C-alpha atoms as a PDB file:
ATOM      1  CA  MET A   1      54.938  43.182  31.771  1.00  0.00           C
ATOM      2  CA  GLU A   2      58.141  44.107  30.298  1.00  0.00           C
ATOM      3  CA  THR A   3      59.415  43.122  26.896  1.00  0.00           C
ATOM      4  CA  GLN A   4      63.095  42.320  27.151  1.00  0.00           C
ATOM      5  CA  LEU A   5      65.680  42.573  23.915  1.00  0.00           C
ATOM      6  CA  GLN A   6      68.345  39.774  23.409  1.00  0.00           C
ATOM      7  CA  ALA A   7      71.391  40.756  21.832  1.00  0.00           C
ATOM      8  CA  ASN A   8      74.056  39.221  20.330  1.00  0.00           C
ATOM      9  CA  VAL A   9      77.343  39.726  22.463  1.00  0.00           C
ATOM     10  CA  MET A  10      79.831  41.663  20.481  1.00  0.00           C
ATOM     11  CA  SER A  11      83.326  40.084  20.114  1.00  0.00           C
ATOM     12  CA  VAL A  12      86.385  41.967  20.813  1.00  0.00           C
ATOM     13  CA  LYS A  13      87.087  41.926  16.824  1.00  0.00           C
ATOM     14  CA  ASP A  14      83.722  43.812  16.733  1.00  0.00           C
ATOM     15  CA  TRP A  15      84.477  46.657  19.391  1.00  0.00           C
ATOM     16  CA  VAL A  16      87.925  47.360  18.153  1.00  0.00           C
ATOM     17  CA  ILE A  17      86.479  47.776  14.607  1.00  0.00           C
ATOM     18  CA  THR A  18      83.557  49.919  15.900  1.00  0.00           C
ATOM     19  CA  ILE A  19      86.016  52.093  18.114  1.00  0.00           C
ATOM     20  CA  LEU A  20      88.370  52.195  14.893  1.00  0.00           C
ATOM     21  CA  ILE A  21      85.620  53.622  12.593  1.00  0.00           C
ATOM     22  CA  ALA A  22      84.436  56.116  15.807  1.00  0.00           C
ATOM     23  CA  ALA A  23      87.760  57.521  15.755  1.00  0.00           C
ATOM     24  CA  ILE A  24      88.026  58.339  12.057  1.00  0.00           C
ATOM     25  CA  PRO A  25      87.239  62.341  11.682  1.00  0.00           C
ATOM     26  CA  LEU A  26      83.728  63.224  10.176  1.00  0.00           C
ATOM     27  CA  VAL A  27      83.064  59.442   9.442  1.00  0.00           C
ATOM     28  CA  GLY A  28      83.144  58.756  12.907  1.00  0.00           C
ATOM     29  CA  ILE A  29      80.542  61.232  14.092  1.00  0.00           C
ATOM     30  CA  VAL A  30      78.519  60.309  11.284  1.00  0.00           C
ATOM     31  CA  MET A  31      78.675  56.838  12.140  1.00  0.00           C
ATOM     32  CA  LEU A  32      77.823  57.430  15.927  1.00  0.00           C
ATOM     33  CA  PHE A  33      74.463  59.017  14.821  1.00  0.00           C
ATOM     34  CA  VAL A  34      73.669  55.831  12.524  1.00  0.00           C
ATOM     35  CA  TRP A  35      74.735  53.237  15.225  1.00  0.00           C
ATOM     36  CA  ALA A  36      72.994  55.479  17.820  1.00  0.00           C
ATOM     37  CA  PHE A  37      69.570  55.748  16.108  1.00  0.00           C
ATOM     38  CA  GLY A  38      69.621  53.206  13.299  1.00  0.00           C
ATOM     39  CA  SER A  39      67.289  50.268  14.091  1.00  0.00           C
ATOM     40  CA  ASN A  40      69.577  47.508  12.330  1.00  0.00           C
ATOM     41  CA  ASP A  41      72.370  47.589  14.731  1.00  0.00           C
ATOM     42  CA  ASN A  42      73.387  45.820  18.130  1.00  0.00           C
ATOM     43  CA  ILE A  43      71.418  47.306  20.986  1.00  0.00           C
ATOM     44  CA  ASN A  44      74.844  47.349  23.097  1.00  0.00           C
ATOM     45  CA  LYS A  45      76.265  49.375  20.113  1.00  0.00           C
ATOM     46  CA  ALA A  46      73.360  51.699  20.078  1.00  0.00           C
ATOM     47  CA  ASN A  47      73.660  52.391  23.734  1.00  0.00           C
ATOM     48  CA  TRP A  48      77.562  52.713  23.530  1.00  0.00           C
ATOM     49  CA  ALA A  49      77.191  55.374  20.486  1.00  0.00           C
ATOM     50  CA  LYS A  50      74.529  57.178  22.320  1.00  0.00           C
ATOM     51  CA  ALA A  51      76.655  57.544  25.407  1.00  0.00           C
ATOM     52  CA  THR A  52      79.491  58.617  23.525  1.00  0.00           C
ATOM     53  CA  LEU A  53      77.582  61.147  21.760  1.00  0.00           C
ATOM     54  CA  ILE A  54      76.462  62.376  25.413  1.00  0.00           C
ATOM     55  CA  TRP A  55      79.867  62.858  26.226  1.00  0.00           C
ATOM     56  CA  ALA A  56      81.047  64.482  22.901  1.00  0.00           C
ATOM     57  CA  ALA A  57      78.063  67.332  23.770  1.00  0.00           C
ATOM     58  CA  ILE A  58      79.253  67.666  27.328  1.00  0.00           C
ATOM     59  CA  ALA A  59      82.842  68.429  25.900  1.00  0.00           C
ATOM     60  CA  ILE A  60      81.705  70.696  23.426  1.00  0.00           C
ATOM     61  CA  VAL A  61      79.840  72.753  25.860  1.00  0.00           C
ATOM     62  CA  LEU A  62      82.474  72.596  28.398  1.00  0.00           C
ATOM     63  CA  SER A  63      84.857  73.841  25.545  1.00  0.00           C
ATOM     64  CA  PHE A  64      82.868  76.787  24.747  1.00  0.00           C
ATOM     65  CA  PHE A  65      82.844  77.816  28.186  1.00  0.00           C
ATOM     66  CA  MET A  66      86.915  77.413  28.771  1.00  0.00           C
ATOM     67  CA  TRP A  67      87.428  79.335  25.375  1.00  0.00           C
ATOM     68  CA  GLY A  68      84.630  81.767  26.280  1.00  0.00           C
ATOM     69  CA  THR A  69      86.384  82.363  29.937  1.00  0.00           C
ATOM     70  CA  ILE A  70      89.709  82.697  28.164  1.00  0.00           C
ATOM     71  CA  ALA A  71      88.776  85.107  25.718  1.00  0.00           C
ATOM     72  CA  ALA A  72      86.800  87.150  28.255  1.00  0.00           C
ATOM     73  CA  LEU A  73      90.369  87.182  30.602  1.00  0.00           C
ATOM     74  CA  PHE A  74      92.356  88.354  27.501  1.00  0.00           C
ATOM     75  CA  LEU A  75      90.085  90.940  26.486  1.00  0.00           C
ATOM     76  CA  ALA A  76      89.790  92.416  29.903  1.00  0.00           C
ATOM     77  CA  GLY A  77      93.428  92.417  30.286  1.00  0.00           C
ATOM     78  CA  ALA A  78      94.145  93.993  27.021  1.00  0.00           C
ATOM     79  CA  GLY A  79      91.401  96.809  27.654  1.00  0.00           C
ATOM     80  CA  GLY A  80      93.149  97.862  30.790  1.00  0.00           C
ATOM     81  CA  ASN A  81      96.615  98.425  29.122  1.00  0.00           C
ATOM     82  CA  SER A  82      95.399 102.078  27.345  1.00  0.00           C
END
């Protein structure tokens, strides 16, 4: 039998404060990890924080590929001018 967790519904005010804190540079990243992996927070906030961290990781990986491609194109173009 599966155990189901009951979580309180987060109000709009709670979400506004949560998103505001998450938008603060450095503090937001730290708080996303605290909310995602801490045990005292609302399960909905924890799942949102985990999903946000996953999207951030995807964005970082894609940006590395994009900048790597741009750098390779730039270096290939600069090398052909000699």
